[in-house]
Amino acid sequence: MPELARVPDDFLAEPETMPGLLQAMVGCRIGSDYPEPIVAHRTAYRQAQERIFGLRATAEARAEARAVFVKHGSRKRRR
């Protein structure tokens, strides 16, 4: 992408974290020369983790995990 050509390597993965002065210097202003991020990855990741851990903590999820373990994880032979 030509708009990222002068962006320092440290900011290539997340150019939106580049300070405004540096954006102006390299000619890559976020929001005008290059689009703003659609998703805030850190926030989305944190929210997904909270939801997953919240679901895992339910009695239903624990019962399901136990059933899967008994069926597939137990080393005891069934008779």
PDB file of N, CA and C in Angstrom:
ATOM      1  N   MET A   1       0.840  -1.167   0.000  1.00  0.00           N
ATOM      2  CA  MET A   1       0.000   0.000   0.000  1.00  0.00           C
ATOM      3  C   MET A   1       0.895   1.243   0.000  1.00  0.00           C
ATOM      4  N   PRO A   2       0.745   2.057  -0.972  1.00  0.00           N
ATOM      5  CA  PRO A   2       1.628   3.218  -1.084  1.00  0.00           C
ATOM      6  C   PRO A   2       1.485   4.201   0.081  1.00  0.00           C
ATOM      7  N   GLU A   3       0.305   4.292   0.684  1.00  0.00           N
ATOM      8  CA  GLU A   3       0.142   5.247   1.787  1.00  0.00           C
ATOM      9  C   GLU A   3       0.918   4.834   3.040  1.00  0.00           C
ATOM     10  N   LEU A   4       1.324   3.570   3.116  1.00  0.00           N
ATOM     11  CA  LEU A   4       2.107   3.090   4.256  1.00  0.00           C
ATOM     12  C   LEU A   4       3.607   3.026   3.962  1.00  0.00           C
ATOM     13  N   ALA A   5       4.015   3.424   2.785  1.00  0.00           N
ATOM     14  CA  ALA A   5       5.407   3.283   2.357  1.00  0.00           C
ATOM     15  C   ALA A   5       6.399   3.987   3.287  1.00  0.00           C
ATOM     16  N   ARG A   6       6.039   5.129   3.818  1.00  0.00           N
ATOM     17  CA  ARG A   6       6.973   5.893   4.664  1.00  0.00           C
ATOM     18  C   ARG A   6       6.708   5.711   6.160  1.00  0.00           C
ATOM     19  N   VAL A   7       5.744   4.860   6.493  1.00  0.00           N
ATOM     20  CA  VAL A   7       5.425   4.615   7.904  1.00  0.00           C
ATOM     21  C   VAL A   7       6.547   3.776   8.517  1.00  0.00           C
ATOM     22  N   PRO A   8       7.068   4.171   9.682  1.00  0.00           N
ATOM     23  CA  PRO A   8       8.123   3.391  10.334  1.00  0.00           C
ATOM     24  C   PRO A   8       7.644   1.974  10.662  1.00  0.00           C
ATOM     25  N   ASP A   9       8.566   1.037  10.619  1.00  0.00           N
ATOM     26  CA  ASP A   9       8.234  -0.371  10.855  1.00  0.00           C
ATOM     27  C   ASP A   9       7.501  -0.596  12.174  1.00  0.00           C
ATOM     28  N   ASP A  10       7.849   0.174  13.194  1.00  0.00           N
ATOM     29  CA  ASP A  10       7.221   0.006  14.508  1.00  0.00           C
ATOM     30  C   ASP A  10       5.715   0.259  14.484  1.00  0.00           C
ATOM     31  N   PHE A  11       5.226   0.976  13.479  1.00  0.00           N
ATOM     32  CA  PHE A  11       3.808   1.335  13.422  1.00  0.00           C
ATOM     33  C   PHE A  11       3.054   0.646  12.281  1.00  0.00           C
ATOM     34  N   LEU A  12       3.717  -0.206  11.524  1.00  0.00           N
ATOM     35  CA  LEU A  12       3.043  -0.822  10.372  1.00  0.00           C
ATOM     36  C   LEU A  12       1.854  -1.694  10.770  1.00  0.00           C
ATOM     37  N   ALA A  13       1.966  -2.431  11.863  1.00  0.00           N
ATOM     38  CA  ALA A  13       0.871  -3.308  12.271  1.00  0.00           C
ATOM     39  C   ALA A  13      -0.333  -2.516  12.765  1.00  0.00           C
ATOM     40  N   GLU A  14      -0.079  -1.373  13.399  1.00  0.00           N
ATOM     41  CA  GLU A  14      -1.146  -0.523  13.928  1.00  0.00           C
ATOM     42  C   GLU A  14      -0.826   0.936  13.630  1.00  0.00           C
ATOM     43  N   PRO A  15      -0.985   1.360  12.376  1.00  0.00           N
ATOM     44  CA  PRO A  15      -0.613   2.733  12.031  1.00  0.00           C
ATOM     45  C   PRO A  15      -1.435   3.783  12.772  1.00  0.00           C
ATOM     46  N   GLU A  16      -2.603   3.404  13.285  1.00  0.00           N
ATOM     47  CA  GLU A  16      -3.435   4.360  14.017  1.00  0.00           C
ATOM     48  C   GLU A  16      -2.810   4.767  15.353  1.00  0.00           C
ATOM     49  N   THR A  17      -1.794   4.037  15.813  1.00  0.00           N
ATOM     50  CA  THR A  17      -1.122   4.392  17.065  1.00  0.00           C
ATOM     51  C   THR A  17      -0.001   5.408  16.859  1.00  0.00           C
ATOM     52  N   MET A  18       0.264   5.755  15.624  1.00  0.00           N
ATOM     53  CA  MET A  18       1.301   6.726  15.304  1.00  0.00           C
ATOM     54  C   MET A  18       0.886   8.113  15.812  1.00  0.00           C
ATOM     55  N   PRO A  19       1.787   8.837  16.468  1.00  0.00           N
ATOM     56  CA  PRO A  19       1.453  10.204  16.906  1.00  0.00           C
ATOM     57  C   PRO A  19       1.078  11.084  15.708  1.00  0.00           C
ATOM     58  N   GLY A  20       0.229  12.050  15.963  1.00  0.00           N
ATOM     59  CA  GLY A  20      -0.251  12.941  14.897  1.00  0.00           C
ATOM     60  C   GLY A  20       0.849  13.639  14.134  1.00  0.00           C
ATOM     61  N   LEU A  21       1.875  14.096  14.843  1.00  0.00           N
ATOM     62  CA  LEU A  21       2.987  14.795  14.182  1.00  0.00           C
ATOM     63  C   LEU A  21       3.707  13.855  13.218  1.00  0.00           C
ATOM     64  N   LEU A  22       3.920  12.618  13.648  1.00  0.00           N
ATOM     65  CA  LEU A  22       4.588  11.638  12.779  1.00  0.00           C
ATOM     66  C   LEU A  22       3.710  11.306  11.579  1.00  0.00           C
ATOM     67  N   GLN A  23       2.397  11.210  11.794  1.00  0.00           N
ATOM     68  CA  GLN A  23       1.479  10.965  10.674  1.00  0.00           C
ATOM     69  C   GLN A  23       1.624  12.055   9.620  1.00  0.00           C
ATOM     70  N   ALA A  24       1.695  13.297  10.064  1.00  0.00           N
ATOM     71  CA  ALA A  24       1.846  14.423   9.131  1.00  0.00           C
ATOM     72  C   ALA A  24       3.199  14.366   8.423  1.00  0.00           C
ATOM     73  N   MET A  25       4.251  14.006   9.159  1.00  0.00           N
ATOM     74  CA  MET A  25       5.587  13.959   8.577  1.00  0.00           C
ATOM     75  C   MET A  25       5.714  12.895   7.488  1.00  0.00           C
ATOM     76  N   VAL A  26       5.083  11.737   7.680  1.00  0.00           N
ATOM     77  CA  VAL A  26       5.210  10.654   6.704  1.00  0.00           C
ATOM     78  C   VAL A  26       4.089  10.671   5.676  1.00  0.00           C
ATOM     79  N   GLY A  27       3.150  11.596   5.819  1.00  0.00           N
ATOM     80  CA  GLY A  27       2.075  11.729   4.841  1.00  0.00           C
ATOM     81  C   GLY A  27       1.049  10.607   4.903  1.00  0.00           C
ATOM     82  N   CYS A  28       0.781  10.147   6.091  1.00  0.00           N
ATOM     83  CA  CYS A  28      -0.207   9.079   6.268  1.00  0.00           C
ATOM     84  C   CYS A  28      -1.076   9.421   7.476  1.00  0.00           C
ATOM     85  N   ARG A  29      -2.033  10.331   7.271  1.00  0.00           N
ATOM     86  CA  ARG A  29      -2.922  10.736   8.350  1.00  0.00           C
ATOM     87  C   ARG A  29      -4.088   9.751   8.426  1.00  0.00           C
ATOM     88  N   ILE A  30      -4.231   9.166   9.598  1.00  0.00           N
ATOM     89  CA  ILE A  30      -5.283   8.179   9.803  1.00  0.00           C
ATOM     90  C   ILE A  30      -6.637   8.889   9.763  1.00  0.00           C
ATOM     91  N   GLY A  31      -7.517   8.363   8.962  1.00  0.00           N
ATOM     92  CA  GLY A  31      -8.842   8.957   8.795  1.00  0.00           C
ATOM     93  C   GLY A  31      -8.986   9.729   7.502  1.00  0.00           C
ATOM     94  N   SER A  32      -7.858  10.185   6.930  1.00  0.00           N
ATOM     95  CA  SER A  32      -7.937  10.884   5.643  1.00  0.00           C
ATOM     96  C   SER A  32      -7.090  10.192   4.582  1.00  0.00           C
ATOM     97  N   ASP A  33      -5.814   9.903   4.881  1.00  0.00           N
ATOM     98  CA  ASP A  33      -4.954   9.214   3.912  1.00  0.00           C
ATOM     99  C   ASP A  33      -5.066   7.698   4.035  1.00  0.00           C
ATOM    100  N   TYR A  34      -5.440   7.242   5.203  1.00  0.00           N
ATOM    101  CA  TYR A  34      -5.544   5.805   5.480  1.00  0.00           C
ATOM    102  C   TYR A  34      -6.753   5.615   6.395  1.00  0.00           C
ATOM    103  N   PRO A  35      -7.554   4.584   6.162  1.00  0.00           N
ATOM    104  CA  PRO A  35      -8.793   4.449   6.952  1.00  0.00           C
ATOM    105  C   PRO A  35      -8.536   4.155   8.431  1.00  0.00           C
ATOM    106  N   GLU A  36      -9.461   4.618   9.258  1.00  0.00           N
ATOM    107  CA  GLU A  36      -9.412   4.313  10.683  1.00  0.00           C
ATOM    108  C   GLU A  36      -9.769   2.836  10.880  1.00  0.00           C
ATOM    109  N   PRO A  37      -9.325   2.233  11.968  1.00  0.00           N
ATOM    110  CA  PRO A  37      -9.657   0.832  12.222  1.00  0.00           C
ATOM    111  C   PRO A  37     -11.172   0.645  12.362  1.00  0.00           C
ATOM    112  N   ILE A  38     -11.657  -0.470  11.871  1.00  0.00           N
ATOM    113  CA  ILE A  38     -13.080  -0.790  11.975  1.00  0.00           C
ATOM    114  C   ILE A  38     -13.374  -1.403  13.345  1.00  0.00           C
ATOM    115  N   VAL A  39     -12.442  -2.199  13.847  1.00  0.00           N
ATOM    116  CA  VAL A  39     -12.612  -2.890  15.123  1.00  0.00           C
ATOM    117  C   VAL A  39     -11.472  -2.516  16.057  1.00  0.00           C
ATOM    118  N   ALA A  40     -11.788  -2.247  17.292  1.00  0.00           N
ATOM    119  CA  ALA A  40     -10.761  -2.039  18.318  1.00  0.00           C
ATOM    120  C   ALA A  40     -10.403  -3.426  18.839  1.00  0.00           C
ATOM    121  N   HIS A  41      -9.328  -3.996  18.313  1.00  0.00           N
ATOM    122  CA  HIS A  41      -9.002  -5.397  18.581  1.00  0.00           C
ATOM    123  C   HIS A  41      -8.829  -5.708  20.058  1.00  0.00           C
ATOM    124  N   ARG A  42      -8.135  -4.875  20.774  1.00  0.00           N
ATOM    125  CA  ARG A  42      -7.913  -5.149  22.209  1.00  0.00           C
ATOM    126  C   ARG A  42      -9.229  -5.190  22.969  1.00  0.00           C
ATOM    127  N   THR A  43     -10.110  -4.244  22.669  1.00  0.00           N
ATOM    128  CA  THR A  43     -11.408  -4.197  23.337  1.00  0.00           C
ATOM    129  C   THR A  43     -12.253  -5.403  22.957  1.00  0.00           C
ATOM    130  N   ALA A  44     -12.294  -5.734  21.673  1.00  0.00           N
ATOM    131  CA  ALA A  44     -13.080  -6.881  21.217  1.00  0.00           C
ATOM    132  C   ALA A  44     -12.557  -8.178  21.813  1.00  0.00           C
ATOM    133  N   TYR A  45     -11.236  -8.318  21.885  1.00  0.00           N
ATOM    134  CA  TYR A  45     -10.624  -9.516  22.459  1.00  0.00           C
ATOM    135  C   TYR A  45     -10.990  -9.648  23.931  1.00  0.00           C
ATOM    136  N   ARG A  46     -10.885  -8.560  24.658  1.00  0.00           N
ATOM    137  CA  ARG A  46     -11.200  -8.566  26.093  1.00  0.00           C
ATOM    138  C   ARG A  46     -12.671  -8.915  26.319  1.00  0.00           C
ATOM    139  N   GLN A  47     -13.563  -8.338  25.519  1.00  0.00           N
ATOM    140  CA  GLN A  47     -14.988  -8.622  25.665  1.00  0.00           C
ATOM    141  C   GLN A  47     -15.295 -10.084  25.346  1.00  0.00           C
ATOM    142  N   ALA A  48     -14.646 -10.625  24.316  1.00  0.00           N
ATOM    143  CA  ALA A  48     -14.852 -12.027  23.966  1.00  0.00           C
ATOM    144  C   ALA A  48     -14.362 -12.940  25.085  1.00  0.00           C
ATOM    145  N   GLN A  49     -13.214 -12.615  25.660  1.00  0.00           N
ATOM    146  CA  GLN A  49     -12.697 -13.410  26.779  1.00  0.00           C
ATOM    147  C   GLN A  49     -13.672 -13.409  27.948  1.00  0.00           C
ATOM    148  N   GLU A  50     -14.186 -12.245  28.283  1.00  0.00           N
ATOM    149  CA  GLU A  50     -15.132 -12.146  29.396  1.00  0.00           C
ATOM    150  C   GLU A  50     -16.371 -12.984  29.137  1.00  0.00           C
ATOM    151  N   ARG A  51     -16.879 -12.945  27.919  1.00  0.00           N
ATOM    152  CA  ARG A  51     -18.078 -13.732  27.590  1.00  0.00           C
ATOM    153  C   ARG A  51     -17.793 -15.227  27.659  1.00  0.00           C
ATOM    154  N   ILE A  52     -16.644 -15.633  27.116  1.00  0.00           N
ATOM    155  CA  ILE A  52     -16.298 -17.059  27.121  1.00  0.00           C
ATOM    156  C   ILE A  52     -16.117 -17.560  28.548  1.00  0.00           C
ATOM    157  N   PHE A  53     -15.349 -16.828  29.357  1.00  0.00           N
ATOM    158  CA  PHE A  53     -15.128 -17.259  30.735  1.00  0.00           C
ATOM    159  C   PHE A  53     -16.423 -17.221  31.531  1.00  0.00           C
ATOM    160  N   GLY A  54     -17.286 -16.281  31.225  1.00  0.00           N
ATOM    161  CA  GLY A  54     -18.588 -16.224  31.884  1.00  0.00           C
ATOM    162  C   GLY A  54     -19.434 -17.445  31.551  1.00  0.00           C
ATOM    163  N   LEU A  55     -19.398 -17.856  30.298  1.00  0.00           N
ATOM    164  CA  LEU A  55     -20.159 -19.047  29.895  1.00  0.00           C
ATOM    165  C   LEU A  55     -19.564 -20.312  30.489  1.00  0.00           C
ATOM    166  N   ARG A  56     -18.241 -20.379  30.548  1.00  0.00           N
ATOM    167  CA  ARG A  56     -17.582 -21.562  31.109  1.00  0.00           C
ATOM    168  C   ARG A  56     -17.903 -21.740  32.588  1.00  0.00           C
ATOM    169  N   ALA A  57     -18.223 -20.666  33.254  1.00  0.00           N
ATOM    170  CA  ALA A  57     -18.475 -20.723  34.689  1.00  0.00           C
ATOM    171  C   ALA A  57     -19.878 -21.219  35.025  1.00  0.00           C
ATOM    172  N   THR A  58     -20.744 -21.345  34.030  1.00  0.00           N
ATOM    173  CA  THR A  58     -22.114 -21.787  34.308  1.00  0.00           C
ATOM    174  C   THR A  58     -22.147 -23.275  34.634  1.00  0.00           C
ATOM    175  N   ALA A  59     -23.152 -23.659  35.398  1.00  0.00           N
ATOM    176  CA  ALA A  59     -23.321 -25.067  35.785  1.00  0.00           C
ATOM    177  C   ALA A  59     -23.535 -25.937  34.546  1.00  0.00           C
ATOM    178  N   GLU A  60     -24.255 -25.412  33.580  1.00  0.00           N
ATOM    179  CA  GLU A  60     -24.519 -26.176  32.351  1.00  0.00           C
ATOM    180  C   GLU A  60     -23.223 -26.467  31.595  1.00  0.00           C
ATOM    181  N   ALA A  61     -22.356 -25.483  31.489  1.00  0.00           N
ATOM    182  CA  ALA A  61     -21.087 -25.675  30.782  1.00  0.00           C
ATOM    183  C   ALA A  61     -20.194 -26.656  31.529  1.00  0.00           C
ATOM    184  N   ARG A  62     -20.165 -26.559  32.855  1.00  0.00           N
ATOM    185  CA  ARG A  62     -19.349 -27.496  33.642  1.00  0.00           C
ATOM    186  C   ARG A  62     -19.866 -28.925  33.491  1.00  0.00           C
ATOM    187  N   ALA A  63     -21.188 -29.088  33.474  1.00  0.00           N
ATOM    188  CA  ALA A  63     -21.767 -30.421  33.305  1.00  0.00           C
ATOM    189  C   ALA A  63     -21.428 -30.978  31.922  1.00  0.00           C
ATOM    190  N   GLU A  64     -21.495 -30.146  30.908  1.00  0.00           N
ATOM    191  CA  GLU A  64     -21.170 -30.579  29.548  1.00  0.00           C
ATOM    192  C   GLU A  64     -19.695 -30.963  29.445  1.00  0.00           C
ATOM    193  N   ALA A  65     -18.821 -30.170  30.045  1.00  0.00           N
ATOM    194  CA  ALA A  65     -17.387 -30.470  30.024  1.00  0.00           C
ATOM    195  C   ALA A  65     -17.118 -31.799  30.727  1.00  0.00           C
ATOM    196  N   ARG A  66     -17.802 -32.029  31.817  1.00  0.00           N
ATOM    197  CA  ARG A  66     -17.633 -33.289  32.557  1.00  0.00           C
ATOM    198  C   ARG A  66     -18.112 -34.467  31.709  1.00  0.00           C
ATOM    199  N   ALA A  67     -19.225 -34.321  31.022  1.00  0.00           N
ATOM    200  CA  ALA A  67     -19.745 -35.394  30.170  1.00  0.00           C
ATOM    201  C   ALA A  67     -18.776 -35.710  29.031  1.00  0.00           C
ATOM    202  N   VAL A  68     -18.189 -34.687  28.445  1.00  0.00           N
ATOM    203  CA  VAL A  68     -17.216 -34.893  27.363  1.00  0.00           C
ATOM    204  C   VAL A  68     -15.987 -35.608  27.909  1.00  0.00           C
ATOM    205  N   PHE A  69     -15.540 -35.201  29.102  1.00  0.00           N
ATOM    206  CA  PHE A  69     -14.379 -35.846  29.704  1.00  0.00           C
ATOM    207  C   PHE A  69     -14.659 -37.318  29.983  1.00  0.00           C
ATOM    208  N   VAL A  70     -15.809 -37.597  30.544  1.00  0.00           N
ATOM    209  CA  VAL A  70     -16.145 -38.987  30.869  1.00  0.00           C
ATOM    210  C   VAL A  70     -16.190 -39.824  29.596  1.00  0.00           C
ATOM    211  N   LYS A  71     -16.749 -39.270  28.542  1.00  0.00           N
ATOM    212  CA  LYS A  71     -16.883 -40.024  27.292  1.00  0.00           C
ATOM    213  C   LYS A  71     -15.555 -40.153  26.548  1.00  0.00           C
ATOM    214  N   HIS A  72     -14.767 -39.093  26.481  1.00  0.00           N
ATOM    215  CA  HIS A  72     -13.583 -39.087  25.627  1.00  0.00           C
ATOM    216  C   HIS A  72     -12.250 -39.019  26.377  1.00  0.00           C
ATOM    217  N   GLY A  73     -12.258 -38.526  27.609  1.00  0.00           N
ATOM    218  CA  GLY A  73     -11.001 -38.278  28.291  1.00  0.00           C
ATOM    219  C   GLY A  73     -10.626 -39.299  29.335  1.00  0.00           C
ATOM    220  N   SER A  74     -11.557 -40.117  29.712  1.00  0.00           N
ATOM    221  CA  SER A  74     -11.268 -41.085  30.753  1.00  0.00           C
ATOM    222  C   SER A  74     -10.428 -42.229  30.199  1.00  0.00           C
ATOM    223  N   ARG A  75      -9.440 -42.649  30.956  1.00  0.00           N
ATOM    224  CA  ARG A  75      -8.600 -43.773  30.532  1.00  0.00           C
ATOM    225  C   ARG A  75      -9.143 -45.093  31.065  1.00  0.00           C
ATOM    226  N   LYS A  76     -10.184 -45.022  31.866  1.00  0.00           N
ATOM    227  CA  LYS A  76     -10.767 -46.243  32.399  1.00  0.00           C
ATOM    228  C   LYS A  76     -11.550 -46.955  31.302  1.00  0.00           C
ATOM    229  N   ARG A  77     -11.434 -48.234  31.274  1.00  0.00           N
ATOM    230  CA  ARG A  77     -12.174 -49.018  30.273  1.00  0.00           C
ATOM    231  C   ARG A  77     -13.627 -49.168  30.719  1.00  0.00           C
ATOM    232  N   ARG A  78     -14.491 -49.068  29.761  1.00  0.00           N
ATOM    233  CA  ARG A  78     -15.915 -49.283  30.052  1.00  0.00           C
ATOM    234  C   ARG A  78     -16.212 -50.776  30.008  1.00  0.00           C
ATOM    235  N   ARG A  79     -17.159 -51.195  30.805  1.00  0.00           N
ATOM    236  CA  ARG A  79     -17.556 -52.608  30.801  1.00  0.00           C
ATOM    237  C   ARG A  79     -18.947 -52.776  30.291  1.00  0.00           C
TER     238      ARG A  79
END
